Amino acid sequence: MSSMTIGPIAGSAADPSERSALLFWMIFTGLSVFAVVLLWRFGLIRLMLASDRTYISSVIALLYILTCGHCFLRTRAIAREGAAARRCRAVLAAPGGSKALDASAATLPHGLVRDHIESLVTKAAAQDYRRVDQTLLLRTLADRLRGSNGFGAFVSDTLMKLGLLGTIVGFIIMLAPIAGLDAADKVAMRSSMGLMSDGMAVAMYTTLAGLVGSILVRIQYYMLDAATQRVFSDAVVLTETYVTPVLERQGAEPKGVELKGAGTSS
């Protein structure tokens, strides 16, 4: 009775909605798009694009949009893996669910968790169902779930460096006219001040674009990594609760039969 009471509570606590990760991403992206619309409405984005003669800010914006698309695909994949893992748990937790391990390909839903369970069953059968250690298989599952999530950290660092590159280029543009500046030539002074102003604008706008883009990418992939960790934790609980005990019990049953037969013959 206690196990039946603990099971649903634990399941519901570790059971975020299949679409929760995707929903959080959509909310965050919607807020970001709303902020961009406001900035465009007040002319700030157009001012940035017009002032940045190096087009580094445009490159940062394009790379950020492509990264958002990648994050969406990865978030959707993780949401599907989480839903498949919960369906696997529902099948294995049902009465007679241990029979699904005999033909997991036909009864368990497709996904990385099912592939992990199949590998676990194959490993247990190969070692005569002795104590099943799934440490290495869990590492493989974690790597497969993580997939290309590391792309987010790479892009975040790249956006930061592009902003720094724009800062350096902007300062070069700003300081270049000073070398041949004649203080007595007022026309040259005015043109030099214009070039210095353009260089400062390039430095500031590219730095701002790189910082904001890097922070937003970090937030998106932080949410993705958290969702991936939840799916992995669900897979560990699932296999340790419903799979490995069944496999180890199958390894203990033949020994019990042999001992019983030996006692009868004597």
Protein backbone atom coordinates (compact mmCIF):
# COMPACT_ATOMS: atom_id res chain seq x y z
CA MET A 1 0.00 0.00 0.00
CA SER A 2 2.80 2.40 0.84
CA SER A 3 4.52 1.75 -2.49
CA MET A 4 1.25 2.37 -4.33
CA THR A 5 0.88 5.67 -2.49
CA ILE A 6 4.44 6.83 -3.07
CA GLY A 7 4.43 5.93 -6.76
CA PRO A 8 1.88 8.42 -8.05
CA ILE A 9 3.21 11.19 -5.85
CA ALA A 10 6.73 10.67 -7.11
CA GLY A 11 5.48 10.39 -10.67
CA SER A 12 3.50 13.60 -10.50
CA ALA A 13 6.37 15.48 -8.88
CA ALA A 14 8.74 14.43 -11.65
CA ASP A 15 6.08 14.68 -14.33
CA PRO A 16 6.20 18.11 -15.94
CA SER A 17 3.98 18.41 -18.95
CA GLU A 18 5.38 17.04 -22.18
CA ARG A 19 5.11 20.51 -23.67
CA SER A 20 6.43 22.47 -20.71
CA ALA A 21 9.93 22.93 -22.16
CA LEU A 22 8.53 23.97 -25.53
CA LEU A 23 6.00 26.25 -23.84
CA PHE A 24 8.70 28.03 -21.83
CA TRP A 25 10.73 28.51 -25.02
CA MET A 26 7.73 29.96 -26.83
CA ILE A 27 6.97 32.35 -23.96
CA PHE A 28 10.57 33.54 -23.82
CA THR A 29 10.76 33.93 -27.60
CA GLY A 30 7.44 35.77 -27.66
CA LEU A 31 8.71 38.26 -25.09
CA SER A 32 11.91 38.71 -27.10
CA VAL A 33 9.96 39.34 -30.31
CA PHE A 34 7.75 41.84 -28.48
CA ALA A 35 10.87 43.69 -27.27
CA VAL A 36 12.27 43.75 -30.83
CA VAL A 37 8.99 45.15 -32.16
CA LEU A 38 9.08 47.93 -29.57
CA LEU A 39 12.69 48.79 -30.39
CA TRP A 40 11.87 48.85 -34.10
CA ARG A 41 8.81 50.98 -33.44
CA PHE A 42 10.94 53.59 -31.68
CA GLY A 43 13.57 53.45 -34.44
CA LEU A 44 16.42 52.13 -32.28
CA ILE A 45 17.10 49.03 -34.37
CA ARG A 46 17.05 51.01 -37.62
CA LEU A 47 19.45 53.49 -36.05
CA MET A 48 21.79 50.67 -35.06
CA LEU A 49 21.75 49.12 -38.53
CA ALA A 50 22.33 52.50 -40.18
CA SER A 51 25.17 53.46 -37.82
CA ASP A 52 27.04 50.14 -38.02
CA ARG A 53 29.02 50.37 -41.25
CA THR A 54 30.80 47.09 -40.53
CA TYR A 55 27.52 45.07 -40.54
CA ILE A 56 28.74 43.13 -37.51
CA SER A 57 25.48 43.87 -35.70
CA SER A 58 23.55 42.42 -38.65
CA VAL A 59 25.70 39.28 -38.55
CA ILE A 60 25.04 38.96 -34.82
CA ALA A 61 21.28 39.33 -35.36
CA LEU A 62 21.27 36.74 -38.18
CA LEU A 63 23.31 34.25 -36.14
CA TYR A 64 20.97 34.76 -33.19
CA ILE A 65 17.90 34.01 -35.33
CA LEU A 66 19.49 30.82 -36.68
CA THR A 67 20.40 29.76 -33.14
CA CYS A 68 16.81 30.31 -32.00
CA GLY A 69 15.69 27.92 -34.75
CA HIS A 70 18.19 25.31 -33.61
CA CYS A 71 17.09 25.71 -29.99
CA PHE A 72 13.47 25.26 -31.04
CA LEU A 73 14.26 21.99 -32.83
CA ARG A 74 16.24 20.68 -29.87
CA THR A 75 13.54 21.71 -27.39
CA ARG A 76 10.87 19.98 -29.44
CA ALA A 77 13.00 16.82 -29.63
CA ILE A 78 13.54 16.82 -25.86
CA ALA A 79 9.82 17.36 -25.26
CA ARG A 80 9.07 14.33 -27.42
CA GLU A 81 11.67 12.22 -25.60
CA GLY A 82 10.12 13.23 -22.28
CA ALA A 83 6.67 12.23 -23.49
CA ALA A 84 8.02 8.89 -24.75
CA ALA A 85 9.74 8.25 -21.42
CA ARG A 86 6.51 8.85 -19.53
CA ARG A 87 4.62 6.49 -21.82
CA CYS A 88 7.32 3.87 -21.22
CA ARG A 89 6.83 4.27 -17.48
CA ALA A 90 3.07 3.94 -17.88
CA VAL A 91 3.52 0.67 -19.80
CA LEU A 92 6.05 -0.80 -17.36
CA ALA A 93 4.16 0.33 -14.24
CA ALA A 94 0.90 -1.28 -15.41
CA PRO A 95 -0.02 -4.77 -14.16
CA GLY A 96 2.03 -7.25 -16.14
CA GLY A 97 4.18 -4.47 -17.47
CA SER A 98 7.35 -6.51 -16.99
CA LYS A 99 6.28 -8.62 -19.98
CA ALA A 100 7.04 -5.59 -22.15
CA LEU A 101 10.74 -6.25 -21.57
CA ASP A 102 10.48 -9.45 -23.58
CA ALA A 103 9.44 -7.54 -26.69
CA SER A 104 10.17 -3.91 -25.95
CA ALA A 105 10.40 -3.00 -29.63
CA ALA A 106 6.72 -3.86 -30.10
CA THR A 107 5.20 -2.45 -26.91
CA LEU A 108 7.29 0.50 -25.72
CA PRO A 109 7.06 3.82 -27.59
CA HIS A 110 9.93 4.83 -29.82
CA GLY A 111 12.63 7.03 -28.32
CA LEU A 112 16.07 7.09 -26.76
CA VAL A 113 14.72 5.75 -23.48
CA ARG A 114 13.32 2.69 -25.21
CA ASP A 115 16.66 2.18 -26.97
CA HIS A 116 18.36 2.37 -23.58
CA ILE A 117 15.98 -0.23 -22.14
CA GLU A 118 16.63 -2.53 -25.11
CA SER A 119 20.39 -2.19 -24.61
CA LEU A 120 19.94 -2.89 -20.91
CA VAL A 121 17.92 -6.05 -21.61
CA THR A 122 20.50 -7.23 -24.15
CA LYS A 123 23.35 -6.65 -21.70
CA ALA A 124 21.52 -8.49 -18.93
CA ALA A 125 20.85 -11.48 -21.19
CA ALA A 126 24.49 -11.59 -22.27
CA GLN A 127 25.71 -11.83 -18.68
CA ASP A 128 23.05 -14.37 -17.59
CA TYR A 129 20.97 -11.76 -15.74
CA ARG A 130 23.47 -11.22 -12.98
CA ARG A 131 23.70 -7.86 -11.24
CA VAL A 132 23.03 -5.26 -13.92
CA ASP A 133 25.28 -2.21 -13.91
CA GLN A 134 23.96 0.43 -16.29
CA THR A 135 26.52 3.16 -15.59
CA LEU A 136 28.12 3.10 -19.02
CA LEU A 137 24.76 2.83 -20.77
CA LEU A 138 23.47 5.80 -18.78
CA ARG A 139 26.46 7.84 -19.89
CA THR A 140 25.64 6.98 -23.48
CA LEU A 141 22.01 7.90 -22.93
CA ALA A 142 23.03 11.25 -21.42
CA ASP A 143 25.25 12.01 -24.42
CA ARG A 144 22.50 11.09 -26.86
CA LEU A 145 19.92 13.18 -25.02
CA ARG A 146 22.30 16.13 -24.85
CA GLY A 147 22.88 15.86 -28.60
CA SER A 148 23.94 19.20 -30.07
CA ASN A 149 22.98 21.29 -27.02
CA GLY A 150 26.60 22.40 -26.80
CA PHE A 151 25.99 24.47 -29.92
CA GLY A 152 24.34 27.06 -27.68
CA ALA A 153 27.47 27.64 -25.61
CA PHE A 154 29.51 27.92 -28.81
CA VAL A 155 27.17 30.52 -30.32
CA SER A 156 26.95 32.48 -27.07
CA ASP A 157 30.72 32.71 -26.92
CA THR A 158 30.87 33.60 -30.63
CA LEU A 159 28.36 36.42 -30.24
CA MET A 160 30.37 37.82 -27.35
CA LYS A 161 33.56 37.74 -29.43
CA LEU A 162 31.84 39.31 -32.42
CA GLY A 163 30.76 42.16 -30.15
CA LEU A 164 34.33 42.51 -28.93
CA LEU A 165 35.56 42.49 -32.53
CA GLY A 166 33.12 45.28 -33.36
CA THR A 167 34.42 47.23 -30.37
CA ILE A 168 38.00 46.98 -31.62
CA VAL A 169 37.05 47.88 -35.19
CA GLY A 170 35.03 50.83 -33.93
CA PHE A 171 37.94 52.18 -31.92
CA ILE A 172 40.23 51.78 -34.95
CA ILE A 173 37.76 53.78 -37.05
CA MET A 174 37.50 56.37 -34.28
CA LEU A 175 41.23 56.81 -33.75
CA ALA A 176 42.38 56.58 -37.38
CA PRO A 177 41.74 60.26 -38.28
CA ILE A 178 43.78 61.54 -35.33
CA ALA A 179 47.12 60.49 -36.88
CA GLY A 180 47.03 63.07 -39.69
CA LEU A 181 44.88 65.66 -37.97
CA ASP A 182 45.81 69.32 -38.41
CA ALA A 183 44.46 71.43 -35.59
CA ALA A 184 44.49 74.55 -37.79
CA ASP A 185 42.27 72.99 -40.48
CA LYS A 186 38.71 73.43 -39.23
CA VAL A 187 37.19 71.51 -42.15
CA ALA A 188 39.43 68.52 -41.43
CA MET A 189 38.54 68.80 -37.76
CA ARG A 190 34.83 68.60 -38.53
CA SER A 191 35.27 65.57 -40.79
CA SER A 192 37.50 63.89 -38.23
CA MET A 193 34.92 64.45 -35.53
CA GLY A 194 32.33 62.82 -37.79
CA LEU A 195 34.58 59.80 -38.35
CA MET A 196 35.28 59.53 -34.64
CA SER A 197 31.55 59.65 -33.92
CA ASP A 198 30.94 56.88 -36.49
CA GLY A 199 33.66 54.74 -34.95
CA MET A 200 32.24 55.18 -31.46
CA ALA A 201 28.77 54.23 -32.75
CA VAL A 202 30.18 51.04 -34.33
CA ALA A 203 31.97 50.12 -31.10
CA MET A 204 28.95 50.71 -28.86
CA TYR A 205 26.27 49.12 -31.05
CA THR A 206 28.24 45.97 -31.83
CA THR A 207 29.16 45.54 -28.18
CA LEU A 208 25.53 45.95 -27.15
CA ALA A 209 24.29 43.53 -29.82
CA GLY A 210 26.90 40.92 -28.87
CA LEU A 211 26.15 41.13 -25.15
CA VAL A 212 22.37 41.02 -25.53
CA GLY A 213 22.51 38.17 -28.05
CA SER A 214 24.89 36.16 -25.87
CA ILE A 215 22.70 36.55 -22.79
CA LEU A 216 19.51 35.59 -24.62
CA VAL A 217 21.14 32.51 -26.14
CA ARG A 218 22.44 31.48 -22.72
CA ILE A 219 18.96 31.71 -21.22
CA GLN A 220 17.38 29.62 -23.97
CA TYR A 221 19.94 26.84 -23.75
CA TYR A 222 19.83 26.89 -19.96
CA MET A 223 16.13 26.04 -20.16
CA LEU A 224 16.92 23.36 -22.76
CA ASP A 225 19.62 21.81 -20.56
CA ALA A 226 17.24 21.80 -17.58
CA ALA A 227 14.59 19.98 -19.66
CA THR A 228 17.21 17.49 -20.87
CA GLN A 229 18.29 16.82 -17.29
CA ARG A 230 14.68 16.15 -16.27
CA VAL A 231 14.25 13.61 -19.06
CA PHE A 232 17.50 11.88 -18.06
CA SER A 233 16.44 11.79 -14.40
CA ASP A 234 13.09 10.26 -15.39
CA ALA A 235 14.93 7.62 -17.43
CA VAL A 236 17.19 6.73 -14.47
CA VAL A 237 14.24 6.41 -12.09
CA LEU A 238 12.32 4.38 -14.67
CA THR A 239 15.08 1.84 -15.29
CA GLU A 240 16.14 1.55 -11.66
CA THR A 241 12.53 1.05 -10.54
CA TYR A 242 10.90 -1.06 -13.25
CA VAL A 243 13.67 -2.58 -15.40
CA THR A 244 16.78 -3.63 -13.48
CA PRO A 245 14.85 -5.29 -10.59
CA VAL A 246 12.94 -7.41 -13.11
CA LEU A 247 16.11 -8.39 -14.97
CA GLU A 248 17.96 -9.30 -11.77
CA ARG A 249 14.94 -11.27 -10.56
CA GLN A 250 15.02 -13.27 -13.79
CA GLY A 251 18.63 -14.14 -13.04
CA ALA A 252 17.75 -15.33 -9.55
CA GLU A 253 14.79 -17.54 -10.52
CA PRO A 254 16.73 -20.37 -12.25
CA LYS A 255 18.99 -20.73 -9.23
CA GLY A 256 15.97 -21.18 -6.98
CA VAL A 257 14.56 -23.87 -9.25
CA GLU A 258 17.83 -25.82 -9.28
CA LEU A 259 18.07 -25.77 -5.46
CA LYS A 260 14.48 -27.00 -5.15
CA GLY A 261 15.15 -29.85 -7.57
CA ALA A 262 18.28 -30.89 -5.68
CA GLY A 263 16.37 -31.05 -2.40
CA THR A 264 13.67 -33.31 -3.92
CA SER A 265 16.12 -35.81 -5.37
CA SER A 266 17.91 -36.24 -2.07
